[in-house]
Amino acid sequence: MKNIKRNFYAFIWHAIFLAIASSFIEINTVIPSLIIKAGGGEIVLGIVTAITVGVPLLAQLLFASFLVSKKRKKPYLLTGIYLRIFSLLAIGLILVSPISNTILLNLVILIISIFSFSGVFAGVSYTDLLGKSIPKDHQRKFMSYRQISRSSFALLSAFLAKYILNNLKYPKNYSTMFLIASFSLFIASLGFWAIKEIEIETTKQFPSFIEIIKNIPKILSRDRNLLNYVIFSNLTGFGLIIIPFYILLAKKSFPEASHMVGNFLLLQMIGIVVASLFWGNMLHRKGYKKVLIYCIILGSILPFLALFLSKTTPILYSITFLVTGFTLSARQMSFEGVLIEISDNENRALYVGISGALNIVTALLPLIIGAIIKSIGFTFVLVFVSIMIFSSLIFLNNMKLEN
């Protein structure tokens, strides 16, 4: 019990400082705005969204096949985190270096790729370590505490991020934010040194990477929960990958929108904080499924809301980001918990890898969505996104989860 309590607070410590770091490099507002400032358009923004949100298809499964048989995951988690720390530090430094915009843009994309891949490596280890360190009967309590804690600190740091964006000139403002994020992530990593990891002894022979790929259909047919989770994750992924393009829609609709990124970020964080209190209460009383049902409904309304508000004023359009905060909060609180609930200590890393590798929508769609928007506009794309998100309800309802 002592170790459970220690682990609980260590994960909360990490969550708080990770949230602070994330506010300064927010992938749905700050990074898209940086790419546009550095000269990127729809196509480049799509590539960067694929890198930050989707990452290459086989990366998660490749890492999972390597990690699944390891008795301890913490050393690999820390390796991934420190790679991310150095990536953020590098971007912060090159932004104020005397290099041309074209080279700068290419370097930023390259380093963001390293940041993203190391995040996948860390993420597989994190989910497995979390599942082992905090028992399932404490998981819902942890998920709600973590979400409320990190969203509260994210909101506070969003005020500072907004101040930096509005009061320092480009590129010094973005450089400062990436340097702060690097330091915050380093502080966050200290929490993991306090965790007492359980070594999982297993006599089970795990297949190689190629064998895992060949066996994915068999694994999915054997576990319908995992199959439904994979399809559900893909369909809701449409809502996740479209969020950075709301920044582009703002830029095209309102000439002054480039000066409002700080406001967009702040409103998104306010939405996350306010929603966390509501979702946390619902999670305790009714479980993951109920939270995700409301998340899907909000997510399917959001594209229509963005289209409508893009015809009004920048201030009203900002409501779009407030609502994205509500949907992101529900997603952050529930998705990882659902995966932990449908897996066990032996197969968890493998399930994380399979679900990530088969998340085709978030991996591939960002690469082409910029081109689609450029050729036919936002209206068709956003309507299609809304339909896909809403259809995920079918597969959520097919999942067998505890109430």
Protein backbone atom coordinates (compact mmCIF):
# COMPACT_ATOMS: atom_id res chain seq x y z
CA MET A 1 0.00 0.00 0.00
CA LYS A 2 2.93 2.31 0.78
CA ASN A 3 4.38 1.73 -2.69
CA ILE A 4 0.99 2.33 -4.33
CA LYS A 5 0.70 5.71 -2.59
CA ARG A 6 4.30 6.60 -3.51
CA ASN A 7 3.71 5.62 -7.14
CA PHE A 8 0.40 7.52 -7.21
CA TYR A 9 2.04 10.81 -6.22
CA ALA A 10 5.08 10.21 -8.44
CA PHE A 11 2.81 9.89 -11.48
CA ILE A 12 0.89 13.01 -10.39
CA TRP A 13 4.21 14.93 -10.07
CA HIS A 14 5.13 13.88 -13.62
CA ALA A 15 1.66 14.79 -14.92
CA ILE A 16 1.80 18.31 -13.45
CA PHE A 17 5.17 19.28 -14.93
CA LEU A 18 4.43 17.51 -18.21
CA ALA A 19 1.26 19.60 -18.43
CA ILE A 20 3.29 22.77 -17.88
CA ALA A 21 5.69 21.74 -20.64
CA SER A 22 2.81 20.80 -22.96
CA SER A 23 1.20 24.23 -22.58
CA PHE A 24 4.25 25.89 -24.09
CA ILE A 25 4.48 23.51 -27.07
CA GLU A 26 0.78 22.65 -27.46
CA ILE A 27 0.51 20.49 -30.58
CA ASN A 28 -2.91 21.80 -31.59
CA THR A 29 -2.16 25.53 -31.35
CA VAL A 30 1.48 26.49 -30.69
CA ILE A 31 3.22 24.07 -33.08
CA PRO A 32 0.82 24.71 -36.02
CA SER A 33 1.24 28.45 -35.46
CA LEU A 34 5.06 28.07 -35.42
CA ILE A 35 4.99 26.09 -38.67
CA ILE A 36 2.83 28.76 -40.35
CA LYS A 37 5.11 31.54 -39.00
CA ALA A 38 8.17 29.71 -40.37
CA GLY A 39 6.60 29.63 -43.85
CA GLY A 40 4.70 26.33 -43.91
CA GLY A 41 1.33 25.97 -45.66
CA GLU A 42 -1.43 23.36 -45.77
CA ILE A 43 0.80 20.51 -46.97
CA VAL A 44 3.58 21.14 -44.45
CA LEU A 45 1.05 21.54 -41.66
CA GLY A 46 -0.43 18.17 -42.64
CA ILE A 47 3.00 16.52 -42.51
CA VAL A 48 3.77 18.00 -39.10
CA THR A 49 0.33 16.98 -37.78
CA ALA A 50 1.03 13.41 -38.96
CA ILE A 51 4.36 13.50 -37.14
CA THR A 52 3.03 14.96 -33.88
CA VAL A 53 -0.39 13.29 -33.69
CA GLY A 54 -0.19 10.17 -35.84
CA VAL A 55 3.50 9.19 -36.03
CA PRO A 56 4.56 6.40 -38.43
CA LEU A 57 2.33 3.35 -38.43
CA LEU A 58 4.74 0.67 -37.27
CA ALA A 59 6.69 2.72 -34.69
CA GLN A 60 4.52 1.91 -31.69
CA LEU A 61 4.28 -1.77 -32.55
CA LEU A 62 8.03 -1.96 -33.19
CA PHE A 63 8.77 -0.49 -29.78
CA ALA A 64 6.11 -2.65 -28.11
CA SER A 65 7.57 -5.84 -29.61
CA PHE A 66 10.93 -4.82 -28.13
CA LEU A 67 9.55 -3.81 -24.72
CA VAL A 68 6.90 -6.47 -24.13
CA SER A 69 9.34 -9.07 -22.78
CA LYS A 70 11.35 -6.65 -20.63
CA LYS A 71 10.92 -7.16 -16.90
CA ARG A 72 11.34 -3.44 -16.18
CA LYS A 73 10.08 -0.61 -18.36
CA LYS A 74 11.27 2.43 -16.39
CA PRO A 75 14.79 2.64 -17.92
CA TYR A 76 13.28 2.72 -21.42
CA LEU A 77 10.69 5.29 -20.36
CA LEU A 78 13.43 7.59 -19.06
CA THR A 79 15.43 7.15 -22.28
CA GLY A 80 12.45 8.34 -24.32
CA ILE A 81 11.82 11.29 -22.00
CA TYR A 82 15.41 12.54 -22.11
CA LEU A 83 15.41 12.36 -25.91
CA ARG A 84 12.32 14.59 -25.83
CA ILE A 85 14.01 17.03 -23.43
CA PHE A 86 17.00 17.45 -25.76
CA SER A 87 14.69 17.81 -28.78
CA LEU A 88 12.81 20.71 -27.18
CA LEU A 89 16.09 22.31 -26.13
CA ALA A 90 17.40 22.02 -29.71
CA ILE A 91 14.32 23.69 -31.22
CA GLY A 92 14.52 26.50 -28.66
CA LEU A 93 18.13 27.18 -29.63
CA ILE A 94 17.85 26.93 -33.43
CA LEU A 95 14.87 29.31 -33.51
CA VAL A 96 17.14 32.18 -32.50
CA SER A 97 20.07 31.07 -34.66
CA PRO A 98 20.96 33.00 -37.84
CA ILE A 99 19.66 30.52 -40.41
CA SER A 100 17.23 30.99 -43.27
CA ASN A 101 13.50 30.20 -42.96
CA THR A 102 13.69 27.22 -45.34
CA ILE A 103 16.51 25.53 -43.43
CA LEU A 104 14.87 26.47 -40.13
CA LEU A 105 11.56 24.92 -41.17
CA ASN A 106 13.27 21.69 -42.28
CA LEU A 107 15.28 21.47 -39.05
CA VAL A 108 12.19 22.07 -36.91
CA ILE A 109 10.33 19.28 -38.75
CA LEU A 110 13.31 16.92 -38.32
CA ILE A 111 13.63 17.60 -34.58
CA ILE A 112 9.86 17.36 -34.07
CA SER A 113 10.11 13.92 -35.71
CA ILE A 114 12.74 12.85 -33.15
CA PHE A 115 10.55 14.32 -30.38
CA SER A 116 7.54 12.38 -31.64
CA PHE A 117 9.31 9.03 -32.09
CA SER A 118 10.88 9.25 -28.63
CA GLY A 119 7.41 10.07 -27.30
CA VAL A 120 6.06 6.83 -28.77
CA PHE A 121 8.91 4.90 -27.16
CA ALA A 122 8.21 6.58 -23.80
CA GLY A 123 4.45 6.21 -24.19
CA VAL A 124 4.48 2.43 -24.56
CA SER A 125 6.63 2.15 -21.42
CA TYR A 126 4.50 4.70 -19.53
CA THR A 127 1.19 2.89 -20.05
CA ASP A 128 2.70 -0.44 -19.07
CA LEU A 129 4.40 1.05 -15.99
CA LEU A 130 1.20 2.81 -14.95
CA GLY A 131 -0.82 -0.39 -15.26
CA LYS A 132 1.68 -2.25 -13.07
CA SER A 133 2.24 0.49 -10.50
CA ILE A 134 -1.35 1.46 -9.69
CA PRO A 135 -3.92 -1.36 -9.28
CA LYS A 136 -7.09 -1.32 -11.36
CA ASP A 137 -9.26 -0.48 -8.34
CA HIS A 138 -7.28 2.77 -7.96
CA GLN A 139 -7.11 3.59 -11.68
CA ARG A 140 -10.27 5.69 -12.06
CA LYS A 141 -9.38 7.74 -9.00
CA PHE A 142 -5.91 8.27 -10.43
CA MET A 143 -7.18 9.23 -13.89
CA SER A 144 -9.50 11.91 -12.51
CA TYR A 145 -6.90 13.27 -10.03
CA ARG A 146 -4.26 13.32 -12.76
CA GLN A 147 -6.51 15.12 -15.22
CA ILE A 148 -7.64 17.76 -12.70
CA SER A 149 -4.06 18.34 -11.48
CA ARG A 150 -2.43 18.60 -14.86
CA SER A 151 -5.18 20.69 -16.42
CA SER A 152 -5.07 23.19 -13.53
CA PHE A 153 -1.32 23.68 -13.88
CA ALA A 154 -1.61 23.71 -17.67
CA LEU A 155 -4.06 26.60 -17.38
CA LEU A 156 -1.71 28.59 -15.15
CA SER A 157 1.20 28.05 -17.54
CA ALA A 158 -1.06 28.94 -20.49
CA PHE A 159 -1.34 32.48 -19.07
CA LEU A 160 2.46 32.74 -19.16
CA ALA A 161 2.57 31.24 -22.66
CA LYS A 162 0.00 33.79 -23.83
CA TYR A 163 2.07 36.61 -22.31
CA ILE A 164 5.25 35.38 -24.03
CA LEU A 165 3.51 35.00 -27.40
CA ASN A 166 1.99 38.48 -27.23
CA ASN A 167 4.90 40.42 -25.74
CA LEU A 168 7.98 38.95 -27.36
CA LYS A 169 8.65 39.11 -31.08
CA TYR A 170 9.01 36.08 -33.34
CA PRO A 171 11.16 33.94 -33.13
CA LYS A 172 12.22 34.85 -29.57
CA ASN A 173 8.73 34.14 -28.23
CA TYR A 174 8.62 30.58 -29.58
CA SER A 175 12.26 29.97 -28.61
CA THR A 176 11.54 30.99 -25.01
CA MET A 177 8.53 28.69 -24.84
CA PHE A 178 10.43 25.65 -26.12
CA LEU A 179 13.26 26.26 -23.64
CA ILE A 180 10.79 26.51 -20.75
CA ALA A 181 9.10 23.31 -21.97
CA SER A 182 12.45 21.49 -22.04
CA PHE A 183 13.23 22.47 -18.45
CA SER A 184 9.70 21.58 -17.25
CA LEU A 185 9.90 18.14 -18.87
CA PHE A 186 13.21 17.55 -17.09
CA ILE A 187 11.56 18.37 -13.73
CA ALA A 188 8.67 16.06 -14.69
CA SER A 189 11.08 13.17 -15.32
CA LEU A 190 12.29 13.31 -11.69
CA GLY A 191 8.96 11.83 -10.58
CA PHE A 192 9.78 8.51 -12.24
CA TRP A 193 12.94 8.08 -10.19
CA ALA A 194 10.66 7.72 -7.13
CA ILE A 195 8.54 4.93 -8.63
CA LYS A 196 9.03 1.41 -7.30
CA GLU A 197 8.50 -0.71 -10.38
CA ILE A 198 7.29 -4.29 -10.05
CA GLU A 199 9.34 -6.74 -12.10
CA ILE A 200 7.02 -9.02 -14.04
CA GLU A 201 8.42 -12.54 -14.31
CA THR A 202 7.01 -14.42 -17.26
CA THR A 203 7.85 -17.72 -18.87
CA LYS A 204 5.76 -16.81 -21.89
CA GLN A 205 7.68 -16.71 -25.18
CA PHE A 206 6.90 -13.51 -27.03
CA PRO A 207 6.97 -13.54 -30.83
CA SER A 208 9.29 -11.40 -32.91
CA PHE A 209 8.18 -8.15 -34.55
CA ILE A 210 7.40 -9.90 -37.86
CA GLU A 211 5.51 -12.68 -36.09
CA ILE A 212 3.47 -10.12 -34.15
CA ILE A 213 2.45 -8.43 -37.41
CA LYS A 214 1.40 -11.78 -38.86
CA ASN A 215 -0.57 -12.61 -35.71
CA ILE A 216 -2.44 -9.30 -35.38
CA PRO A 217 -5.62 -10.65 -37.11
CA LYS A 218 -5.63 -13.65 -34.75
CA ILE A 219 -5.10 -11.43 -31.68
CA LEU A 220 -7.93 -9.10 -32.74
CA SER A 221 -10.33 -11.97 -33.47
CA ARG A 222 -9.55 -13.48 -30.07
CA ASP A 223 -10.10 -10.23 -28.14
CA ARG A 224 -13.17 -8.35 -29.41
CA ASN A 225 -12.58 -5.60 -26.87
CA LEU A 226 -9.24 -4.79 -28.49
CA LEU A 227 -10.76 -4.92 -31.98
CA ASN A 228 -13.55 -2.51 -31.02
CA TYR A 229 -11.04 -0.27 -29.26
CA VAL A 230 -8.86 -0.07 -32.39
CA ILE A 231 -11.81 0.86 -34.65
CA PHE A 232 -13.17 3.29 -32.04
CA SER A 233 -9.74 4.93 -31.72
CA ASN A 234 -9.47 5.33 -35.50
CA LEU A 235 -12.88 6.93 -35.89
CA THR A 236 -12.42 9.36 -32.99
CA GLY A 237 -8.95 10.09 -34.41
CA PHE A 238 -10.64 12.19 -37.10
CA GLY A 239 -11.52 14.70 -34.40
CA LEU A 240 -8.01 14.73 -33.01
CA ILE A 241 -6.15 15.37 -36.25
CA ILE A 242 -8.51 18.15 -37.41
CA ILE A 243 -7.84 20.39 -34.38
CA PRO A 244 -4.56 21.92 -35.71
CA PHE A 245 -6.41 22.85 -38.91
CA TYR A 246 -8.77 25.05 -36.89
CA ILE A 247 -5.76 27.39 -36.59
CA LEU A 248 -5.48 27.41 -40.40
CA LEU A 249 -9.22 28.05 -40.74
CA ALA A 250 -8.83 31.00 -38.35
CA LYS A 251 -5.96 32.41 -40.41
CA LYS A 252 -7.98 32.14 -43.63
CA SER A 253 -11.13 33.61 -42.07
CA PHE A 254 -9.61 36.42 -40.01
CA PRO A 255 -6.45 38.34 -41.02
CA GLU A 256 -5.77 39.28 -37.37
CA ALA A 257 -5.92 35.63 -36.17
CA SER A 258 -2.12 35.23 -36.17
CA HIS A 259 -2.05 37.50 -33.11
CA MET A 260 -4.68 35.44 -31.28
CA VAL A 261 -2.85 32.11 -30.89
CA GLY A 262 -2.25 32.88 -27.21
CA ASN A 263 -5.98 33.43 -26.71
CA PHE A 264 -6.82 30.18 -28.52
CA LEU A 265 -4.35 28.28 -26.32
CA LEU A 266 -5.70 29.87 -23.15
CA LEU A 267 -9.32 29.10 -23.98
CA GLN A 268 -8.44 25.50 -24.81
CA MET A 269 -6.76 25.15 -21.42
CA ILE A 270 -9.75 26.73 -19.66
CA GLY A 271 -11.98 24.21 -21.41
CA ILE A 272 -9.75 21.33 -20.27
CA VAL A 273 -9.74 22.52 -16.64
CA VAL A 274 -13.48 23.17 -16.39
CA ALA A 275 -14.32 19.91 -18.15
CA SER A 276 -11.92 17.90 -15.96
CA LEU A 277 -14.04 18.59 -12.89
CA PHE A 278 -17.18 17.47 -14.72
CA TRP A 279 -15.61 14.40 -16.38
CA GLY A 280 -13.85 13.36 -13.16
CA ASN A 281 -17.14 13.25 -11.26
CA MET A 282 -18.83 11.34 -14.07
CA LEU A 283 -15.94 8.86 -14.31
CA HIS A 284 -16.23 8.01 -10.60
CA ARG A 285 -19.99 7.50 -10.81
CA LYS A 286 -20.57 5.99 -14.26
CA GLY A 287 -17.26 4.80 -15.71
CA TYR A 288 -15.24 5.39 -18.88
CA LYS A 289 -17.98 4.57 -21.36
CA LYS A 290 -20.32 7.36 -20.22
CA VAL A 291 -17.54 9.95 -20.38
CA LEU A 292 -16.61 8.87 -23.90
CA ILE A 293 -20.21 8.98 -25.13
CA TYR A 294 -20.41 12.68 -24.25
CA CYS A 295 -16.94 13.21 -25.73
CA ILE A 296 -18.12 11.74 -29.04
CA ILE A 297 -21.27 13.87 -29.12
CA LEU A 298 -19.29 17.06 -28.47
CA GLY A 299 -16.60 16.01 -30.95
CA SER A 300 -19.13 15.45 -33.74
CA ILE A 301 -20.74 18.87 -33.14
CA LEU A 302 -17.42 20.73 -33.06
CA PRO A 303 -16.64 20.76 -36.84
CA PHE A 304 -20.06 22.33 -37.57
CA LEU A 305 -19.48 24.84 -34.79
CA ALA A 306 -16.08 25.81 -36.26
CA LEU A 307 -17.60 26.29 -39.73
CA PHE A 308 -20.40 28.45 -38.36
CA LEU A 309 -18.16 30.57 -36.12
CA SER A 310 -15.63 31.13 -38.93
CA LYS A 311 -18.29 33.34 -40.54
CA THR A 312 -18.60 35.56 -37.45
CA THR A 313 -15.78 37.29 -35.54
CA PRO A 314 -12.39 36.16 -34.16
CA ILE A 315 -13.68 36.48 -30.59
CA LEU A 316 -16.66 34.22 -31.27
CA TYR A 317 -14.49 31.81 -33.27
CA SER A 318 -12.35 31.39 -30.13
CA ILE A 319 -15.23 29.37 -28.65
CA THR A 320 -14.09 26.56 -30.98
CA PHE A 321 -10.96 26.12 -28.86
CA LEU A 322 -12.92 26.21 -25.62
CA VAL A 323 -14.95 23.24 -26.86
CA THR A 324 -11.82 21.42 -28.08
CA GLY A 325 -10.65 21.67 -24.48
CA PHE A 326 -13.77 19.79 -23.35
CA THR A 327 -13.21 16.97 -25.85
CA LEU A 328 -9.46 16.73 -25.21
CA SER A 329 -10.07 16.55 -21.46
CA ALA A 330 -12.42 13.57 -21.85
CA ARG A 331 -9.97 11.88 -24.21
CA GLN A 332 -6.98 12.38 -21.90
CA MET A 333 -8.92 11.06 -18.92
CA SER A 334 -10.42 7.98 -20.57
CA PHE A 335 -8.51 6.51 -23.53
CA GLU A 336 -5.50 5.28 -21.59
CA GLY A 337 -7.70 3.98 -18.78
CA VAL A 338 -9.83 1.97 -21.21
CA LEU A 339 -6.74 0.34 -22.70
CA ILE A 340 -5.44 -0.53 -19.23
CA GLU A 341 -8.86 -1.97 -18.31
CA ILE A 342 -9.01 -4.30 -21.33
CA SER A 343 -5.42 -5.55 -20.91
CA ASP A 344 -3.28 -7.21 -18.24
CA ASN A 345 0.36 -6.93 -17.09
CA GLU A 346 1.61 -9.45 -19.64
CA ASN A 347 -0.08 -8.18 -22.80
CA ARG A 348 -0.41 -4.45 -22.03
CA ALA A 349 2.67 -3.26 -23.94
CA LEU A 350 1.65 -5.44 -26.88
CA TYR A 351 -1.90 -4.02 -26.85
CA VAL A 352 -0.53 -0.47 -26.76
CA GLY A 353 1.65 -1.30 -29.75
CA ILE A 354 -1.14 -2.94 -31.76
CA SER A 355 -3.63 -0.12 -31.08
CA GLY A 356 -1.01 2.48 -32.06
CA ALA A 357 0.15 0.64 -35.16
CA LEU A 358 -3.42 0.20 -36.40
CA ASN A 359 -4.36 3.82 -35.75
CA ILE A 360 -4.33 4.43 -39.49
CA VAL A 361 -6.43 7.60 -39.40
CA THR A 362 -4.12 9.61 -37.15
CA ALA A 363 -1.02 8.26 -38.88
CA LEU A 364 -1.94 8.76 -42.54
CA LEU A 365 -4.82 11.23 -42.84
CA PRO A 366 -2.83 14.31 -41.76
CA LEU A 367 -0.48 13.69 -44.70
CA ILE A 368 -3.30 14.22 -47.21
CA ILE A 369 -5.85 16.33 -45.36
CA GLY A 370 -3.94 19.54 -46.05
CA ALA A 371 -4.03 18.80 -49.78
CA ILE A 372 -7.75 17.93 -49.62
CA ILE A 373 -8.56 21.17 -47.79
CA LYS A 374 -6.49 23.14 -50.29
CA SER A 375 -8.34 21.66 -53.28
CA ILE A 376 -11.96 21.45 -52.07
CA GLY A 377 -12.08 23.62 -48.95
CA PHE A 378 -12.99 23.10 -45.32
CA THR A 379 -16.74 22.46 -45.56
CA PHE A 380 -16.70 18.93 -47.03
CA VAL A 381 -13.79 17.85 -44.83
CA LEU A 382 -15.38 19.04 -41.59
CA VAL A 383 -18.76 17.47 -42.37
CA PHE A 384 -17.04 14.15 -43.15
CA VAL A 385 -15.01 14.37 -39.93
CA SER A 386 -18.21 14.91 -37.92
CA ILE A 387 -19.87 11.80 -39.43
CA MET A 388 -16.82 9.62 -38.72
CA ILE A 389 -16.62 10.72 -35.08
CA PHE A 390 -20.32 10.09 -34.48
CA SER A 391 -20.11 6.58 -36.01
CA SER A 392 -17.55 5.61 -33.35
CA LEU A 393 -20.44 5.28 -30.89
CA ILE A 394 -21.26 1.87 -32.38
CA PHE A 395 -17.85 0.43 -31.46
CA LEU A 396 -17.74 2.09 -28.05
CA ASN A 397 -21.04 0.44 -27.18
CA ASN A 398 -19.63 -2.94 -28.31
CA MET A 399 -16.79 -2.73 -25.79
CA LYS A 400 -17.29 -4.58 -22.51
CA LEU A 401 -16.14 -2.20 -19.78
CA GLU A 402 -16.81 -2.00 -16.06
CA ASN A 403 -19.49 0.47 -14.99
